[in-house]
Structures are given as structure tokens and as C-alpha cells.
Amino acid sequence: MPPETEPTQPVRQVAVPWGRVEGWVGRFEAQHPGAAWTVSPEAVHATCSDGTTATWAIPFADQAEVRTLPELWSHLERPWQLGVILVRRGGFAVAHVIGSEVRETKVGKRHVQGKTKAGGWSQQRFARRRDNQARVAFDAAADHVHAILTPHAGRLDLLGTGGDRAAVAHVLSDPRLARVASRPQRWLGGVADPRRDVLIRAIETTRSVTITVTDPPSR
């Protein structure tokens, strides 16, 4: 007889904006009556009689001692200051956020040529021109990040970054942005070309918790 396989427990993750976590917990409890919650200074954990569990890290756990769910709601409602920086070749977006209020934003686009099928010296010249155009675009992004975020650098609780990692690194390597770059960061992934709607979604992602839900074992 073939060996009996171990039951698997499906794991899924869901991003929930801070302002909706309390509602998410209410819906979770309705689906899993009797869920038991444990709130430590670092994380929240739920266990259910049907085998389901849910857990997530508490944002800014080092800045407050959270021991209960009501304390967590109050903690998430504090006016945390965030910066968001998205950079890709030819485009960038930056925002300064306090609490749920977006205080200042800038979305910009610069032309960077696409790839060429030409070879030899022509291809090398094209690559150099393309790299120069990208550097000009990144420098323009750094100018706006400096103008919007540097005045608040000492008060930023979190910096959300996304787009192209090399592009973001180039922008944050600007000496003027040393204080901004030193703040705690959250990588938002390779987002689409920065536009206003992409920036708004990135702000929401920065202001969210990632909840890991493990469903009951299934064979």
C-alpha cells in the first residue's frame, strides 16, 4: 500500500488596510465562532476550533505596548507619518502621508528610450544614451523626493518603496536623501509604471497589515 500522505494546510495571505482591520476581525469571528485571540507586543494570533489560524505583525510595535485588540485599533489610528517612493525607468511618484491624509504628492514621467535590435557600436551608443536618460529621470525623481520628504525625514515612521529596485536605490543614494533613506522601509514590490492610481494603491499597501491565514488541514 502507498504511504499515507500528511494532510496539507492551505496558507493564504491578505493585505488589510489599517482602518479595516477591526472589520476584518469581526468578519473572521463570524466565520469562525469562538476564535481565541492572543495579542503580544509584536504580533496578533488567532486560533479556531476548526483548525484555522490567523496571524500578523503589529506595525510600529516598538513605539507602543499593545496587549488587547481595542488597544490595537487605537494604535493603528495614530497619525503615523509615511513616505512613499515609486521609481521606474521614465517615471516616478512620491507622497507624504499623515494618518489617512495624503498631504503632498508628485507624479512625473521622463522619456527613456526602449531597447534596440541594432548591434555593434550602434547598440553600445544607444545603450549609453538610454542609461544617460535614465539617470536624468532618476535625478529628477530625487529632486522631488528631496522637496517633499526631506523636511519631514526625522518624523517619518515608515518609507514605502516600490517599482524597480535599482532605480529606487539610485534615487535614495542621493546625499540629500540620507535622512530619508535611513528610515524604516517596506518594499512594495515591482509596481506598474507610476501613475496617480498606482500611487494611491501603493499608499494603501504601505498602510496595511499582511495577515497570514492557515486553513484547516485537507487531504
Protein backbone atom coordinates (compact mmCIF):
# COMPACT_ATOMS: atom_id res chain seq x y z
CA MET A 1 0.00 0.00 0.00
CA PRO A 2 1.32 3.50 -0.74
CA PRO A 3 2.33 5.50 2.31
CA GLU A 4 -0.39 7.69 3.73
CA THR A 5 0.22 11.33 2.86
CA GLU A 6 0.19 14.02 5.50
CA PRO A 7 -2.78 16.40 5.33
CA THR A 8 -1.93 19.79 3.92
CA GLN A 9 -2.94 23.12 5.39
CA PRO A 10 -3.62 25.77 2.74
CA VAL A 11 -1.95 29.06 3.57
CA ARG A 12 -3.06 32.38 2.13
CA GLN A 13 -2.17 35.99 2.74
CA VAL A 14 -4.37 39.05 2.59
CA ALA A 15 -3.38 42.71 2.84
CA VAL A 16 -5.82 44.66 5.00
CA PRO A 17 -5.58 48.47 5.38
CA TRP A 18 -5.14 49.56 8.99
CA GLY A 19 -8.54 51.23 9.12
CA ARG A 20 -10.28 48.00 8.05
CA VAL A 21 -8.52 45.53 10.36
CA GLU A 22 -11.21 45.78 13.04
CA GLY A 23 -13.90 44.98 10.47
CA TRP A 24 -11.82 42.09 9.10
CA VAL A 25 -11.54 40.65 12.61
CA GLY A 26 -15.32 40.93 13.04
CA ARG A 27 -15.94 39.03 9.80
CA PHE A 28 -13.33 36.42 10.73
CA GLU A 29 -15.04 35.84 14.08
CA ALA A 30 -18.43 35.50 12.35
CA GLN A 31 -16.98 32.79 10.10
CA HIS A 32 -15.11 31.11 12.96
CA PRO A 33 -17.19 31.40 16.17
CA GLY A 34 -15.16 31.12 19.35
CA ALA A 35 -11.88 32.30 17.79
CA ALA A 36 -9.30 32.87 20.55
CA TRP A 37 -7.04 35.89 20.16
CA THR A 38 -3.54 36.37 21.55
CA VAL A 39 -2.04 39.86 21.31
CA SER A 40 1.65 40.12 22.11
CA PRO A 41 3.74 43.30 21.78
CA GLU A 42 4.88 42.12 18.34
CA ALA A 43 2.04 40.17 16.76
CA VAL A 44 -1.60 39.12 16.78
CA HIS A 45 -2.57 35.46 16.57
CA ALA A 46 -5.96 33.73 16.36
CA THR A 47 -6.74 30.05 16.80
CA CYS A 48 -10.10 28.48 15.96
CA SER A 49 -11.71 25.18 16.92
CA ASP A 50 -11.89 24.16 13.25
CA GLY A 51 -8.10 24.40 12.91
CA THR A 52 -7.95 27.80 11.18
CA THR A 53 -5.32 30.25 12.38
CA ALA A 54 -4.58 33.88 11.52
CA THR A 55 -1.55 35.97 12.41
CA TRP A 56 0.05 39.29 11.55
CA ALA A 57 2.81 41.56 12.81
CA ILE A 58 1.87 44.76 14.62
CA PRO A 59 3.15 47.85 12.78
CA PHE A 60 5.42 50.12 14.82
CA ALA A 61 5.40 47.60 17.67
CA ASP A 62 8.46 49.26 19.21
CA GLN A 63 6.57 52.53 19.68
CA ALA A 64 3.71 51.28 21.87
CA GLU A 65 2.84 48.31 24.04
CA VAL A 66 -0.26 46.68 22.58
CA ARG A 67 -1.85 43.89 24.63
CA THR A 68 -5.50 43.83 23.50
CA LEU A 69 -7.43 44.22 20.26
CA PRO A 70 -9.01 47.55 21.36
CA GLU A 71 -5.51 48.83 22.08
CA LEU A 72 -4.51 47.71 18.60
CA TRP A 73 -7.35 49.68 16.97
CA SER A 74 -6.19 52.82 18.83
CA HIS A 75 -2.58 52.09 17.89
CA LEU A 76 -3.40 51.84 14.17
CA GLU A 77 -5.44 55.07 14.30
CA ARG A 78 -2.46 57.14 15.44
CA PRO A 79 -1.32 59.75 12.88
CA TRP A 80 1.68 57.79 11.64
CA GLN A 81 3.81 59.68 9.12
CA LEU A 82 4.72 57.83 5.95
CA GLY A 83 6.68 58.47 2.82
CA VAL A 84 6.04 56.55 -0.41
CA ILE A 85 8.53 56.45 -3.28
CA LEU A 86 7.92 54.61 -6.56
CA VAL A 87 10.55 54.70 -9.30
CA ARG A 88 10.87 53.02 -12.66
CA ARG A 89 12.73 54.00 -15.81
CA GLY A 90 10.98 57.07 -17.09
CA GLY A 91 8.53 57.53 -14.23
CA PHE A 92 8.29 58.20 -10.52
CA ALA A 93 5.80 59.03 -7.79
CA VAL A 94 6.29 60.33 -4.27
CA ALA A 95 3.89 61.05 -1.41
CA HIS A 96 3.89 62.33 2.16
CA VAL A 97 1.10 60.89 4.29
CA ILE A 98 0.00 61.65 7.86
CA GLY A 99 -2.57 59.23 9.22
CA SER A 100 -5.07 58.64 6.42
CA GLU A 101 -4.47 62.11 4.94
CA VAL A 102 -2.30 62.41 1.84
CA ARG A 103 -0.54 65.72 2.42
CA GLU A 104 1.55 66.11 -0.73
CA THR A 105 2.23 64.11 -3.89
CA LYS A 106 4.12 64.37 -7.13
CA VAL A 107 3.90 62.07 -10.14
CA GLY A 108 6.33 62.59 -13.00
CA LYS A 109 7.36 61.00 -16.26
CA ARG A 110 10.58 61.27 -18.25
CA HIS A 111 11.29 59.80 -21.67
CA VAL A 112 13.67 56.83 -21.66
CA GLN A 113 14.13 55.06 -24.99
CA GLY A 114 13.25 51.40 -25.28
CA LYS A 115 15.52 48.60 -26.43
CA THR A 116 17.00 48.43 -29.92
CA LYS A 117 17.75 45.48 -32.18
CA ALA A 118 20.79 47.19 -33.64
CA GLY A 119 24.19 45.63 -32.95
CA GLY A 120 27.82 46.67 -32.66
CA TRP A 121 28.81 50.27 -31.95
CA SER A 122 25.32 51.49 -32.74
CA GLN A 123 23.87 49.33 -29.97
CA GLN A 124 26.53 50.49 -27.49
CA ARG A 125 25.86 54.15 -28.27
CA PHE A 126 22.14 53.52 -27.86
CA ALA A 127 22.70 51.79 -24.50
CA ARG A 128 24.82 54.71 -23.24
CA ARG A 129 22.18 57.23 -24.35
CA ARG A 130 19.45 55.17 -22.70
CA ASP A 131 21.44 54.95 -19.44
CA ASN A 132 22.02 58.71 -19.51
CA GLN A 133 18.30 59.32 -20.00
CA ALA A 134 17.52 57.01 -17.07
CA ARG A 135 20.00 58.85 -14.81
CA VAL A 136 18.39 62.17 -15.71
CA ALA A 137 14.98 60.69 -14.86
CA PHE A 138 16.22 59.31 -11.54
CA ASP A 139 17.86 62.61 -10.65
CA ALA A 140 14.58 64.40 -11.35
CA ALA A 141 12.82 61.91 -9.06
CA ALA A 142 15.42 62.58 -6.33
CA ASP A 143 14.75 66.32 -6.61
CA HIS A 144 11.05 65.82 -5.87
CA VAL A 145 11.66 63.28 -3.10
CA HIS A 146 14.01 65.81 -1.50
CA ALA A 147 11.45 68.61 -1.78
CA ILE A 148 8.53 66.58 -0.41
CA LEU A 149 10.06 64.21 2.16
CA THR A 150 13.33 65.67 3.44
CA PRO A 151 11.57 68.38 5.51
CA HIS A 152 9.79 65.55 7.39
CA ALA A 153 12.61 62.98 7.41
CA GLY A 154 13.06 62.96 11.18
CA ARG A 155 9.36 62.28 11.73
CA LEU A 156 8.77 59.58 9.09
CA ASP A 157 7.69 56.36 10.77
CA LEU A 158 7.91 54.29 7.58
CA LEU A 159 9.06 54.61 3.99
CA GLY A 160 7.23 52.52 1.39
CA THR A 161 9.26 51.92 -1.78
CA GLY A 162 8.43 50.12 -4.99
CA GLY A 163 9.00 49.85 -8.72
CA ASP A 164 12.49 48.92 -9.86
CA ARG A 165 14.93 48.15 -7.04
CA ALA A 166 17.96 49.56 -8.88
CA ALA A 167 16.05 52.73 -9.73
CA VAL A 168 14.90 53.20 -6.13
CA ALA A 169 18.44 52.57 -4.88
CA HIS A 170 19.80 55.18 -7.30
CA VAL A 171 17.32 57.78 -6.07
CA LEU A 172 17.96 57.06 -2.38
CA SER A 173 21.73 57.20 -2.92
CA ASP A 174 21.42 60.97 -3.42
CA PRO A 175 23.32 62.51 -0.48
CA ARG A 176 20.44 64.92 0.15
CA LEU A 177 18.21 61.94 0.93
CA ALA A 178 20.43 60.29 3.55
CA ARG A 179 17.99 61.02 6.39
CA VAL A 180 15.03 59.80 4.33
CA ALA A 181 16.86 56.62 3.31
CA SER A 182 17.73 55.87 6.94
CA ARG A 183 14.07 55.49 7.95
CA PRO A 184 12.46 52.02 8.28
CA GLN A 185 11.45 50.78 4.85
CA ARG A 186 8.81 48.47 3.42
CA TRP A 187 9.31 47.10 -0.10
CA LEU A 188 6.03 47.23 -2.02
CA GLY A 189 7.15 45.13 -4.97
CA GLY A 190 7.58 45.82 -8.66
CA VAL A 191 4.55 48.04 -9.12
CA ALA A 192 3.36 49.23 -12.52
CA ASP A 193 4.62 52.42 -14.11
CA PRO A 194 3.92 55.10 -11.51
CA ARG A 195 0.68 56.95 -12.14
CA ARG A 196 -1.66 58.58 -9.67
CA ASP A 197 -3.84 55.48 -9.30
CA VAL A 198 -0.75 53.31 -8.81
CA LEU A 199 0.48 55.73 -6.15
CA ILE A 200 -2.85 55.63 -4.29
CA ARG A 201 -2.75 51.83 -4.23
CA ALA A 202 0.85 51.93 -3.02
CA ILE A 203 -0.12 54.26 -0.17
CA GLU A 204 -2.89 51.86 0.83
CA THR A 205 -0.45 48.93 0.74
CA THR A 206 2.02 50.82 2.90
CA ARG A 207 -0.80 51.49 5.40
CA SER A 208 -1.81 47.84 5.67
CA VAL A 209 -1.01 44.64 7.54
CA THR A 210 -0.38 41.33 5.81
CA ILE A 211 -2.48 38.67 7.51
CA THR A 212 -1.46 35.04 7.08
CA VAL A 213 -4.44 32.68 7.29
CA THR A 214 -3.87 28.94 7.60
CA ASP A 215 -6.98 26.95 6.76
CA PRO A 216 -7.91 23.55 8.29
CA PRO A 217 -5.92 20.53 7.04
CA SER A 218 -7.21 18.87 3.88
CA ARG A 219 -6.18 15.64 2.19
